[in-house]
N, C-alpha and C. Protein backbone atom coordinates (compact mmCIF):
# COMPACT_ATOMS: atom_id res chain seq x y z
N MET A 1 -12.39 10.02 12.94
CA MET A 1 -11.98 9.27 11.69
C MET A 1 -12.54 10.05 10.40
N LEU A 2 -11.90 10.00 9.29
CA LEU A 2 -12.26 10.61 8.19
C LEU A 2 -13.46 10.21 7.48
N ALA A 3 -14.33 11.05 7.09
CA ALA A 3 -15.50 10.55 6.43
C ALA A 3 -15.15 10.18 5.00
N LEU A 4 -15.43 9.02 4.62
CA LEU A 4 -14.88 8.49 3.37
C LEU A 4 -15.90 8.35 2.23
N SER A 5 -17.18 8.81 2.42
CA SER A 5 -18.13 8.79 1.45
C SER A 5 -17.77 10.05 0.54
N CYS A 6 -18.27 9.95 -0.63
CA CYS A 6 -17.95 11.04 -1.71
C CYS A 6 -19.05 12.09 -1.64
N SER A 7 -18.72 13.32 -1.83
CA SER A 7 -19.62 14.34 -2.10
C SER A 7 -20.01 14.34 -3.50
N SER A 8 -20.95 15.14 -3.91
CA SER A 8 -21.40 15.23 -5.28
C SER A 8 -20.31 15.79 -6.19
N ARG A 9 -19.47 16.64 -5.59
CA ARG A 9 -18.37 17.14 -6.27
C ARG A 9 -17.38 16.06 -6.74
N GLU A 10 -17.37 14.93 -5.90
CA GLU A 10 -16.37 13.90 -6.11
C GLU A 10 -16.89 12.74 -6.95
N GLN A 11 -18.06 12.98 -7.34
CA GLN A 11 -18.70 11.82 -8.16
C GLN A 11 -18.15 11.86 -9.62
N ARG A 12 -16.94 11.53 -9.80
CA ARG A 12 -16.20 11.46 -11.09
C ARG A 12 -15.44 10.24 -11.20
N GLU A 13 -15.18 9.83 -12.31
CA GLU A 13 -14.40 8.60 -12.62
C GLU A 13 -13.05 8.80 -12.47
N VAL A 14 -12.57 8.49 -11.24
CA VAL A 14 -11.16 8.57 -10.92
C VAL A 14 -10.70 7.41 -10.14
N ASP A 15 -9.55 6.71 -10.72
CA ASP A 15 -9.18 5.49 -10.20
C ASP A 15 -7.84 5.75 -9.44
N VAL A 16 -7.59 4.97 -8.42
CA VAL A 16 -6.34 4.87 -7.69
C VAL A 16 -5.65 3.60 -7.96
N TYR A 17 -4.43 3.60 -8.50
CA TYR A 17 -3.77 2.49 -8.81
C TYR A 17 -2.68 2.27 -7.62
N ALA A 18 -2.88 1.27 -6.85
CA ALA A 18 -2.12 0.89 -5.67
C ALA A 18 -1.20 -0.21 -5.93
N ILE A 19 0.10 0.10 -5.99
CA ILE A 19 1.07 -0.93 -6.41
C ILE A 19 1.99 -1.36 -5.20
N ARG A 20 2.00 -2.66 -4.84
CA ARG A 20 2.96 -3.03 -3.81
C ARG A 20 4.27 -3.32 -4.49
N HIS A 21 5.34 -2.88 -3.88
CA HIS A 21 6.73 -3.03 -4.42
C HIS A 21 7.05 -4.51 -4.75
N GLY A 22 8.03 -4.76 -5.60
CA GLY A 22 8.48 -6.05 -5.94
C GLY A 22 9.11 -6.73 -4.74
N GLU A 23 9.41 -8.05 -4.99
CA GLU A 23 10.09 -8.94 -4.04
C GLU A 23 11.31 -8.40 -3.44
N THR A 24 11.51 -8.67 -2.17
CA THR A 24 12.83 -8.33 -1.43
C THR A 24 13.21 -9.62 -0.72
N ALA A 25 14.42 -9.60 -0.26
CA ALA A 25 14.94 -10.83 0.47
C ALA A 25 14.14 -11.10 1.72
N TRP A 26 13.57 -10.01 2.34
CA TRP A 26 12.77 -10.21 3.61
C TRP A 26 11.31 -10.62 3.21
N SER A 27 10.76 -10.12 2.09
CA SER A 27 9.46 -10.58 1.65
C SER A 27 9.44 -12.10 1.52
N LEU A 28 10.53 -12.61 0.86
CA LEU A 28 10.80 -14.00 0.61
C LEU A 28 10.79 -14.86 1.87
N SER A 29 11.54 -14.37 2.82
CA SER A 29 11.73 -14.97 4.13
C SER A 29 10.64 -14.89 5.15
N GLY A 30 9.69 -13.92 4.92
CA GLY A 30 8.53 -13.66 5.79
C GLY A 30 8.87 -12.65 6.94
N GLN A 31 10.09 -11.98 6.97
CA GLN A 31 10.38 -11.13 7.84
C GLN A 31 9.73 -9.76 7.76
N HIS A 32 9.18 -9.22 8.84
CA HIS A 32 8.47 -7.91 8.85
C HIS A 32 9.53 -6.86 8.52
N THR A 33 9.21 -6.11 7.41
CA THR A 33 10.13 -5.19 6.96
C THR A 33 9.42 -3.78 6.99
N GLY A 34 9.65 -2.96 8.01
CA GLY A 34 9.11 -1.71 8.15
C GLY A 34 10.03 -0.63 7.78
N THR A 35 10.85 -0.18 8.77
CA THR A 35 11.88 0.81 8.74
C THR A 35 13.11 0.45 8.00
N THR A 36 13.34 -0.84 8.03
CA THR A 36 14.59 -1.44 7.42
C THR A 36 14.47 -1.16 5.81
N ASP A 37 15.55 -0.50 5.40
CA ASP A 37 15.57 0.04 3.95
C ASP A 37 16.34 -1.01 2.98
N ILE A 38 15.67 -1.97 2.53
CA ILE A 38 16.39 -2.90 1.70
C ILE A 38 15.97 -2.87 0.24
N PRO A 39 16.82 -3.36 -0.74
CA PRO A 39 16.51 -3.16 -2.13
C PRO A 39 15.64 -4.38 -2.57
N LEU A 40 15.21 -4.25 -3.82
CA LEU A 40 14.56 -5.31 -4.47
C LEU A 40 15.51 -6.50 -4.79
N THR A 41 15.00 -7.75 -4.96
CA THR A 41 15.84 -8.76 -5.49
C THR A 41 15.73 -8.69 -7.02
N ASP A 42 16.58 -9.45 -7.73
CA ASP A 42 16.52 -9.47 -9.24
C ASP A 42 15.16 -9.87 -9.72
N ASN A 43 14.45 -10.86 -9.03
CA ASN A 43 13.14 -11.13 -9.34
C ASN A 43 12.18 -9.93 -9.10
N GLY A 44 12.42 -9.23 -8.07
CA GLY A 44 11.57 -8.08 -7.67
C GLY A 44 11.70 -7.03 -8.76
N ARG A 45 12.90 -6.79 -9.21
CA ARG A 45 13.09 -5.79 -10.25
C ARG A 45 12.47 -6.20 -11.57
N ARG A 46 12.50 -7.55 -11.91
CA ARG A 46 11.75 -8.09 -12.97
C ARG A 46 10.23 -7.83 -12.92
N LEU A 47 9.69 -8.03 -11.75
CA LEU A 47 8.24 -7.82 -11.51
C LEU A 47 7.93 -6.32 -11.70
N ALA A 48 8.73 -5.44 -11.17
CA ALA A 48 8.57 -4.05 -11.19
C ALA A 48 8.57 -3.48 -12.65
N GLU A 49 9.56 -4.13 -13.46
CA GLU A 49 9.62 -3.77 -14.94
C GLU A 49 8.36 -4.05 -15.67
N ARG A 50 7.65 -5.14 -15.26
CA ARG A 50 6.48 -5.57 -15.85
C ARG A 50 5.34 -4.64 -15.67
N LEU A 51 5.34 -3.69 -14.78
CA LEU A 51 4.39 -2.78 -14.46
C LEU A 51 4.33 -1.67 -15.58
N ALA A 52 5.54 -1.40 -16.10
CA ALA A 52 5.68 -0.23 -17.00
C ALA A 52 4.65 -0.24 -18.11
N PRO A 53 4.57 -1.29 -18.94
CA PRO A 53 3.60 -1.32 -20.10
C PRO A 53 2.12 -1.22 -19.60
N VAL A 54 1.77 -1.72 -18.41
CA VAL A 54 0.47 -1.70 -17.89
C VAL A 54 0.15 -0.37 -17.55
N LEU A 55 1.03 0.34 -16.82
CA LEU A 55 0.66 1.69 -16.26
C LEU A 55 0.90 2.71 -17.45
N ALA A 56 1.56 2.43 -18.49
CA ALA A 56 1.77 3.40 -19.54
C ALA A 56 0.43 3.62 -20.33
N ARG A 57 -0.42 2.74 -20.20
CA ARG A 57 -1.79 2.97 -20.80
C ARG A 57 -2.72 3.95 -20.08
N LYS A 58 -2.27 4.43 -18.91
CA LYS A 58 -3.04 5.30 -18.10
C LYS A 58 -2.43 6.66 -17.94
N ALA A 59 -3.08 7.69 -17.86
CA ALA A 59 -2.62 9.04 -17.52
C ALA A 59 -2.83 9.28 -16.03
N PHE A 60 -1.75 9.76 -15.42
CA PHE A 60 -1.85 9.99 -13.93
C PHE A 60 -1.69 11.55 -13.61
N ALA A 61 -2.58 12.08 -12.85
CA ALA A 61 -2.43 13.31 -12.40
C ALA A 61 -1.61 13.49 -11.14
N LEU A 62 -1.37 12.30 -10.42
CA LEU A 62 -0.42 12.48 -9.20
C LEU A 62 0.09 11.00 -9.07
N VAL A 63 1.38 10.96 -8.81
CA VAL A 63 2.12 9.61 -8.44
C VAL A 63 2.80 9.87 -7.05
N LEU A 64 2.31 9.14 -6.03
CA LEU A 64 2.89 9.20 -4.70
C LEU A 64 3.65 7.85 -4.41
N VAL A 65 4.77 8.06 -3.71
CA VAL A 65 5.57 6.83 -3.39
C VAL A 65 6.03 6.94 -1.88
N SER A 66 6.12 5.70 -1.35
CA SER A 66 6.69 5.65 0.01
C SER A 66 8.24 6.09 0.00
N PRO A 67 8.70 6.63 1.07
CA PRO A 67 10.13 6.98 1.08
C PRO A 67 11.07 5.76 1.18
N ARG A 68 10.59 4.60 1.29
CA ARG A 68 11.43 3.37 1.38
C ARG A 68 12.01 3.08 -0.07
N GLN A 69 13.27 2.53 -0.06
CA GLN A 69 13.99 2.27 -1.29
C GLN A 69 13.20 1.25 -2.15
N ARG A 70 12.67 0.28 -1.56
CA ARG A 70 12.04 -0.83 -2.35
C ARG A 70 10.79 -0.29 -3.09
N ALA A 71 10.14 0.65 -2.54
CA ALA A 71 8.88 1.26 -3.20
C ALA A 71 9.38 2.32 -4.22
N ARG A 72 10.44 3.06 -3.94
CA ARG A 72 10.96 4.10 -4.98
C ARG A 72 11.46 3.22 -6.17
N GLU A 73 12.26 2.23 -5.88
CA GLU A 73 12.86 1.41 -7.05
C GLU A 73 11.80 0.79 -7.85
N THR A 74 10.70 0.33 -7.34
CA THR A 74 9.53 -0.19 -8.13
C THR A 74 8.91 0.92 -8.89
N CYS A 75 8.78 2.09 -8.33
CA CYS A 75 8.24 3.15 -9.09
C CYS A 75 9.18 3.63 -10.37
N GLU A 76 10.49 3.66 -10.01
CA GLU A 76 11.45 3.99 -11.02
C GLU A 76 11.32 2.97 -12.23
N LEU A 77 11.32 1.72 -11.87
CA LEU A 77 11.32 0.69 -12.96
C LEU A 77 10.02 0.68 -13.69
N ALA A 78 8.99 1.19 -13.01
CA ALA A 78 7.75 1.29 -13.74
C ALA A 78 7.63 2.61 -14.59
N HIS A 79 8.60 3.31 -14.63
CA HIS A 79 8.89 4.62 -15.51
C HIS A 79 7.90 5.71 -15.02
N LEU A 80 7.66 5.71 -13.63
CA LEU A 80 6.90 6.82 -13.09
C LEU A 80 7.74 7.63 -12.06
N GLY A 81 9.02 7.20 -11.94
CA GLY A 81 9.77 7.85 -10.93
C GLY A 81 10.02 9.29 -11.04
N ALA A 82 10.18 9.77 -12.30
CA ALA A 82 10.45 11.26 -12.50
C ALA A 82 9.26 12.18 -11.98
N ARG A 83 8.12 11.58 -11.97
CA ARG A 83 6.96 12.35 -11.54
C ARG A 83 6.56 12.06 -10.03
N ALA A 84 7.20 11.21 -9.45
CA ALA A 84 6.78 10.72 -8.10
C ALA A 84 7.08 11.69 -7.08
N VAL A 85 6.07 11.83 -6.13
CA VAL A 85 6.31 12.75 -4.87
C VAL A 85 6.34 11.78 -3.68
N ILE A 86 7.27 11.86 -2.87
CA ILE A 86 7.42 11.04 -1.67
C ILE A 86 6.33 11.42 -0.59
N ASP A 87 5.62 10.43 -0.11
CA ASP A 87 4.60 10.79 0.92
C ASP A 87 4.95 9.90 2.05
N PRO A 88 5.36 10.44 3.14
CA PRO A 88 5.72 9.61 4.37
C PRO A 88 4.52 8.70 4.80
N ASP A 89 3.35 9.14 4.61
CA ASP A 89 2.23 8.47 5.00
C ASP A 89 2.12 7.08 4.35
N LEU A 90 2.79 6.84 3.27
CA LEU A 90 2.76 5.69 2.59
C LEU A 90 3.85 4.68 2.92
N ALA A 91 4.69 5.01 3.96
CA ALA A 91 5.64 4.09 4.52
C ALA A 91 5.05 2.93 5.08
N GLU A 92 5.74 1.80 5.13
CA GLU A 92 5.23 0.58 5.78
C GLU A 92 4.91 0.71 7.19
N TRP A 93 4.11 -0.05 7.73
CA TRP A 93 3.90 -0.22 9.24
C TRP A 93 5.24 -0.10 9.96
N ASN A 94 5.27 0.64 11.00
CA ASN A 94 6.42 0.52 11.91
C ASN A 94 6.20 -0.55 12.90
N TYR A 95 6.95 -1.61 12.76
CA TYR A 95 6.84 -2.87 13.56
C TYR A 95 7.57 -2.85 14.91
N GLY A 96 8.27 -1.77 15.23
CA GLY A 96 8.87 -1.57 16.48
C GLY A 96 9.65 -2.71 16.88
N GLU A 97 9.42 -3.37 17.93
CA GLU A 97 10.29 -4.43 18.48
C GLU A 97 10.09 -5.72 17.70
N TYR A 98 9.14 -5.75 16.68
CA TYR A 98 9.00 -6.94 15.83
C TYR A 98 9.63 -6.75 14.50
N GLU A 99 10.37 -5.71 14.27
CA GLU A 99 11.11 -5.55 13.02
C GLU A 99 12.07 -6.59 12.76
N GLY A 100 11.99 -7.12 11.59
CA GLY A 100 12.86 -8.26 11.11
C GLY A 100 12.43 -9.65 11.62
N LEU A 101 11.43 -9.71 12.25
CA LEU A 101 10.90 -11.01 12.91
C LEU A 101 9.84 -11.62 11.93
N THR A 102 9.81 -12.99 11.86
CA THR A 102 8.68 -13.54 11.22
C THR A 102 7.45 -13.65 12.04
N SER A 103 6.29 -14.02 11.51
CA SER A 103 5.10 -14.08 12.33
C SER A 103 5.37 -15.22 13.30
N GLN A 104 5.96 -16.29 12.95
CA GLN A 104 6.18 -17.51 13.84
C GLN A 104 6.92 -16.99 14.99
N GLN A 105 8.07 -16.24 14.80
CA GLN A 105 9.00 -15.82 15.82
C GLN A 105 8.25 -14.79 16.74
N ILE A 106 7.35 -13.98 16.20
CA ILE A 106 6.63 -13.04 17.02
C ILE A 106 5.59 -13.85 17.88
N ARG A 107 4.93 -14.86 17.29
CA ARG A 107 4.03 -15.63 18.15
C ARG A 107 4.65 -16.47 19.17
N GLU A 108 5.87 -16.71 19.14
CA GLU A 108 6.60 -17.45 20.14
C GLU A 108 6.73 -16.53 21.43
N ARG A 109 6.67 -15.13 21.04
CA ARG A 109 6.89 -14.11 22.23
C ARG A 109 5.43 -13.80 22.70
N ALA A 110 4.61 -13.69 21.76
CA ALA A 110 3.19 -13.19 22.02
C ALA A 110 2.20 -14.25 21.40
N PRO A 111 1.79 -15.28 22.02
CA PRO A 111 0.99 -16.26 21.47
C PRO A 111 -0.42 -15.69 21.08
N GLY A 112 -0.81 -16.00 19.94
CA GLY A 112 -2.11 -15.41 19.42
C GLY A 112 -2.06 -14.12 18.73
N TRP A 113 -0.83 -13.55 18.62
CA TRP A 113 -0.65 -12.17 18.06
C TRP A 113 -1.23 -12.06 16.67
N LEU A 114 -1.90 -10.96 16.44
CA LEU A 114 -2.37 -10.67 15.07
C LEU A 114 -2.02 -9.11 14.89
N LEU A 115 -1.38 -8.85 13.81
CA LEU A 115 -0.86 -7.48 13.48
C LEU A 115 -2.06 -6.48 13.49
N PHE A 116 -3.08 -6.85 12.69
CA PHE A 116 -4.11 -5.90 12.46
C PHE A 116 -5.12 -5.73 13.64
N ARG A 117 -4.92 -6.48 14.70
CA ARG A 117 -5.68 -6.33 15.96
C ARG A 117 -4.70 -5.76 17.02
N ASP A 118 -3.55 -6.19 17.09
CA ASP A 118 -2.63 -5.93 18.23
C ASP A 118 -1.60 -4.80 17.97
N GLY A 119 -1.22 -4.67 16.75
CA GLY A 119 -0.16 -3.72 16.46
C GLY A 119 1.16 -4.23 17.03
N CYS A 120 2.09 -3.32 17.23
CA CYS A 120 3.54 -3.77 17.71
C CYS A 120 4.01 -2.89 18.79
N PRO A 121 4.52 -3.57 19.74
CA PRO A 121 5.16 -2.74 20.82
C PRO A 121 6.37 -1.88 20.31
N GLY A 122 6.36 -0.67 20.70
CA GLY A 122 7.41 0.16 20.24
C GLY A 122 7.23 0.63 18.80
N GLY A 123 6.14 0.29 18.19
CA GLY A 123 5.85 0.67 16.83
C GLY A 123 4.45 1.30 16.79
N GLU A 124 3.68 0.94 15.73
CA GLU A 124 2.44 1.51 15.41
C GLU A 124 1.25 0.52 15.79
N THR A 125 0.18 1.17 16.18
CA THR A 125 -1.03 0.41 16.33
C THR A 125 -1.86 0.40 15.09
N PRO A 126 -2.91 -0.40 14.95
CA PRO A 126 -3.78 -0.32 13.70
C PRO A 126 -4.31 1.04 13.47
N GLY A 127 -4.75 1.67 14.67
CA GLY A 127 -5.33 3.07 14.53
C GLY A 127 -4.33 4.15 13.95
N ASP A 128 -3.12 3.97 14.31
CA ASP A 128 -1.95 4.76 13.78
C ASP A 128 -1.89 4.65 12.33
N VAL A 129 -1.95 3.38 11.84
CA VAL A 129 -1.67 3.19 10.42
C VAL A 129 -2.91 3.51 9.69
N GLY A 130 -4.20 3.36 10.28
CA GLY A 130 -5.38 3.83 9.70
C GLY A 130 -5.40 5.25 9.47
N ALA A 131 -4.97 6.04 10.43
CA ALA A 131 -4.95 7.41 10.36
C ALA A 131 -4.04 7.97 9.23
N ARG A 132 -2.86 7.25 8.98
CA ARG A 132 -2.03 7.56 7.79
C ARG A 132 -2.79 7.18 6.56
N ALA A 133 -3.37 6.09 6.52
CA ALA A 133 -4.30 5.78 5.23
C ALA A 133 -5.29 6.81 5.00
N ASP A 134 -5.90 7.22 5.98
CA ASP A 134 -7.02 8.31 5.78
C ASP A 134 -6.39 9.61 5.22
N ARG A 135 -5.19 9.94 5.68
CA ARG A 135 -4.58 11.19 5.12
C ARG A 135 -4.16 11.00 3.57
N VAL A 136 -3.80 9.77 3.24
CA VAL A 136 -3.51 9.52 1.84
C VAL A 136 -4.80 9.61 1.04
N ILE A 137 -5.86 8.98 1.52
CA ILE A 137 -7.20 9.05 0.94
C ILE A 137 -7.72 10.42 0.72
N ALA A 138 -7.59 11.27 1.73
CA ALA A 138 -7.99 12.63 1.63
C ALA A 138 -7.16 13.31 0.56
N ARG A 139 -5.85 13.09 0.44
CA ARG A 139 -5.12 13.74 -0.50
C ARG A 139 -5.46 13.30 -1.93
N VAL A 140 -5.76 12.01 -2.06
CA VAL A 140 -6.27 11.46 -3.36
C VAL A 140 -7.53 12.14 -3.84
N ARG A 141 -8.48 12.27 -2.84
CA ARG A 141 -9.74 12.67 -3.21
C ARG A 141 -9.76 14.24 -3.79
N ASP A 142 -8.72 14.90 -3.47
CA ASP A 142 -8.55 16.29 -3.96
C ASP A 142 -7.97 16.40 -5.37
N VAL A 143 -7.64 15.27 -5.88
CA VAL A 143 -7.01 15.29 -7.28
C VAL A 143 -8.03 14.98 -8.37
N ASP A 144 -7.87 15.75 -9.34
CA ASP A 144 -8.83 15.58 -10.54
C ASP A 144 -8.03 14.72 -11.61
N GLY A 145 -8.16 13.46 -11.35
CA GLY A 145 -7.41 12.53 -12.29
C GLY A 145 -6.95 11.29 -11.53
N ASN A 146 -6.50 10.30 -12.34
CA ASN A 146 -6.01 9.02 -11.79
C ASN A 146 -4.78 9.28 -10.92
N VAL A 147 -4.59 8.48 -9.91
CA VAL A 147 -3.48 8.50 -8.94
C VAL A 147 -2.80 7.19 -8.89
N ALA A 148 -1.47 7.13 -8.85
CA ALA A 148 -0.73 5.92 -8.59
C ALA A 148 -0.01 6.04 -7.32
N LEU A 149 -0.08 4.94 -6.54
CA LEU A 149 0.53 4.84 -5.19
C LEU A 149 1.48 3.69 -5.17
N PHE A 150 2.74 3.91 -4.81
CA PHE A 150 3.71 2.82 -4.75
C PHE A 150 4.09 2.68 -3.14
N ALA A 151 3.73 1.50 -2.67
CA ALA A 151 3.92 1.35 -1.28
C ALA A 151 4.07 -0.10 -0.88
N HIS A 152 3.51 -0.48 0.21
CA HIS A 152 3.92 -1.71 0.87
C HIS A 152 2.60 -2.61 1.21
N GLY A 153 2.88 -3.80 1.65
CA GLY A 153 1.85 -4.75 1.83
C GLY A 153 0.78 -4.35 2.85
N HIS A 154 1.33 -4.04 3.96
CA HIS A 154 0.35 -3.86 5.15
C HIS A 154 -0.31 -2.54 5.06
N ILE A 155 0.49 -1.44 4.74
CA ILE A 155 -0.17 -0.16 4.66
C ILE A 155 -1.19 -0.10 3.52
N LEU A 156 -0.89 -0.77 2.39
CA LEU A 156 -1.84 -0.75 1.28
C LEU A 156 -3.08 -1.64 1.64
N ARG A 157 -2.94 -2.74 2.45
CA ARG A 157 -4.12 -3.43 2.95
C ARG A 157 -4.98 -2.59 3.83
N VAL A 158 -4.39 -1.79 4.65
CA VAL A 158 -5.21 -0.86 5.46
C VAL A 158 -5.85 0.20 4.58
N LEU A 159 -5.22 0.71 3.67
CA LEU A 159 -5.58 1.75 2.76
C LEU A 159 -6.90 1.12 1.99
N GLY A 160 -6.85 -0.12 1.58
CA GLY A 160 -7.83 -0.69 0.83
C GLY A 160 -9.13 -0.82 1.65
N ALA A 161 -8.90 -1.28 2.95
CA ALA A 161 -10.05 -1.31 3.97
C ALA A 161 -10.68 0.07 4.13
N ARG A 162 -9.79 1.03 4.43
CA ARG A 162 -10.33 2.33 4.74
C ARG A 162 -11.01 3.06 3.52
N TRP A 163 -10.55 2.64 2.24
CA TRP A 163 -11.17 3.33 1.03
C TRP A 163 -12.63 2.86 1.05
N ILE A 164 -13.04 1.71 1.47
CA ILE A 164 -14.42 1.28 1.54
C ILE A 164 -15.06 1.36 2.96
N ALA A 165 -14.52 2.31 3.71
CA ALA A 165 -15.01 2.65 4.99
C ALA A 165 -15.08 1.51 6.10
N LEU A 166 -14.17 0.56 5.91
CA LEU A 166 -13.94 -0.52 6.91
C LEU A 166 -12.95 0.00 7.93
N PRO A 167 -12.95 -0.64 9.13
CA PRO A 167 -11.92 -0.23 10.04
C PRO A 167 -10.48 -0.89 9.66
N ALA A 168 -9.49 -0.38 10.15
CA ALA A 168 -8.14 -0.81 9.87
C ALA A 168 -7.92 -2.23 10.02
N SER A 169 -8.56 -2.71 11.18
CA SER A 169 -8.56 -4.18 11.44
C SER A 169 -9.01 -5.12 10.39
N ALA A 170 -9.89 -4.60 9.55
CA ALA A 170 -10.44 -5.41 8.32
C ALA A 170 -9.39 -5.66 7.34
N ALA A 171 -8.33 -5.03 7.44
CA ALA A 171 -7.32 -5.32 6.40
C ALA A 171 -6.72 -6.69 6.52
N GLN A 172 -7.06 -7.45 7.61
CA GLN A 172 -6.55 -8.82 7.76
C GLN A 172 -7.22 -9.65 6.71
N HIS A 173 -8.33 -9.27 6.05
CA HIS A 173 -8.98 -10.04 5.15
C HIS A 173 -8.60 -9.75 3.62
N PHE A 174 -7.67 -8.73 3.51
CA PHE A 174 -7.04 -8.41 2.19
C PHE A 174 -5.66 -8.89 1.95
N LEU A 175 -5.46 -10.06 1.39
CA LEU A 175 -4.14 -10.48 1.19
C LEU A 175 -3.54 -9.81 -0.05
N LEU A 176 -2.19 -9.60 0.03
CA LEU A 176 -1.58 -8.77 -1.05
C LEU A 176 -0.21 -9.31 -1.33
N ASP A 177 0.11 -9.76 -2.55
CA ASP A 177 1.38 -10.31 -2.86
C ASP A 177 2.33 -9.17 -3.37
N THR A 178 3.66 -9.43 -3.40
CA THR A 178 4.58 -8.49 -3.93
C THR A 178 4.34 -8.29 -5.36
N GLY A 179 4.68 -7.03 -5.92
CA GLY A 179 4.70 -6.84 -7.40
C GLY A 179 3.24 -6.98 -8.02
N THR A 180 2.16 -6.61 -7.19
CA THR A 180 0.87 -6.71 -7.72
C THR A 180 0.16 -5.37 -7.79
N LEU A 181 -0.94 -5.32 -8.46
CA LEU A 181 -1.60 -4.02 -8.76
C LEU A 181 -3.03 -4.11 -8.19
N CYS A 182 -3.49 -3.05 -7.60
CA CYS A 182 -4.89 -2.96 -7.10
C CYS A 182 -5.50 -1.68 -7.65
N VAL A 183 -6.71 -1.71 -7.97
CA VAL A 183 -7.39 -0.43 -8.45
C VAL A 183 -8.58 -0.14 -7.61
N LEU A 184 -8.56 1.01 -7.00
CA LEU A 184 -9.68 1.43 -6.19
C LEU A 184 -10.44 2.53 -7.02
N GLY A 185 -11.72 2.43 -6.97
CA GLY A 185 -12.55 3.34 -7.72
C GLY A 185 -13.83 3.58 -6.98
N HIS A 186 -15.03 3.72 -7.80
CA HIS A 186 -16.37 3.87 -7.18
C HIS A 186 -17.36 3.04 -8.03
N TYR A 187 -18.45 2.68 -7.27
CA TYR A 187 -19.61 2.19 -7.93
C TYR A 187 -20.65 3.30 -7.72
N GLN A 188 -20.90 4.03 -8.81
CA GLN A 188 -21.65 5.30 -8.79
C GLN A 188 -20.89 6.24 -7.79
N GLU A 189 -21.46 6.75 -6.70
CA GLU A 189 -20.76 7.60 -5.80
C GLU A 189 -20.12 6.76 -4.61
N ILE A 190 -20.25 5.46 -4.58
CA ILE A 190 -19.85 4.63 -3.47
C ILE A 190 -18.38 4.17 -3.64
N PRO A 191 -17.46 4.36 -2.76
CA PRO A 191 -16.10 3.86 -2.96
C PRO A 191 -16.14 2.37 -3.06
N ALA A 192 -15.40 1.84 -3.99
CA ALA A 192 -15.45 0.39 -4.32
C ALA A 192 -14.02 -0.06 -4.75
N ILE A 193 -13.74 -1.34 -4.71
CA ILE A 193 -12.54 -1.96 -5.15
C ILE A 193 -12.79 -2.69 -6.51
N LYS A 194 -12.00 -2.13 -7.48
CA LYS A 194 -12.22 -2.73 -8.77
C LYS A 194 -11.37 -3.99 -9.08
N ILE A 195 -10.06 -3.84 -8.60
CA ILE A 195 -9.12 -4.96 -8.71
C ILE A 195 -8.36 -5.03 -7.43
N TRP A 196 -8.09 -6.28 -6.96
CA TRP A 196 -7.24 -6.44 -5.72
C TRP A 196 -6.42 -7.65 -6.01
N ASN A 197 -5.02 -7.35 -5.62
CA ASN A 197 -3.93 -8.35 -5.65
C ASN A 197 -3.84 -8.90 -7.14
N GLY A 198 -3.98 -7.90 -8.07
CA GLY A 198 -4.01 -8.41 -9.49
C GLY A 198 -2.65 -8.79 -9.94
N PRO A 199 -2.40 -9.98 -10.39
CA PRO A 199 -1.02 -10.27 -10.98
C PRO A 199 -0.87 -9.68 -12.39
N LEU A 200 0.29 -9.39 -12.85
CA LEU A 200 0.64 -8.85 -14.07
C LEU A 200 0.96 -10.07 -15.00
N LEU A 201 0.02 -10.38 -15.86
CA LEU A 201 0.12 -11.53 -16.79
C LEU A 201 0.91 -11.11 -17.98
């Protein structure tokens, strides 16, 4: 596993703005949306547009975005699309055989199933997604300045857990709505969470 504590070189005030994409039809219905590439709803686009004035107040040294349409569209509507670099490690969890199913439907097949403990047959395990989150964190730590990440609910929950050196399974304790903003930073040299699941008022 990646060592997530900061060296003395990294003891600088750098924030990571982690943004979950706006609403989609499947986020409304509760269907697991991993590799399926669907657009934002009208309401999702409105949520994404509300990000623009908030993020305009910050200077970003790097903007990373998931390859999925819903994340890229959110980034574009937030007026950071022209600077964005696609990072495949920010793609949503690969749900394998559970793609497109709701949690209730999955539990009818596999009673007691928990994503962050059990993963998905034919898809990714928590360890797989944790390794991707660690690679994103390593990339972010090499940047001298603020970073914006546009991605998805479950990968960002794992990234938040790994940012503070918790296992990927701890992401089950981090709820995250669509169209919200999280800010990851530091308490002195210790990785910390400044804002989580912050609505845009």
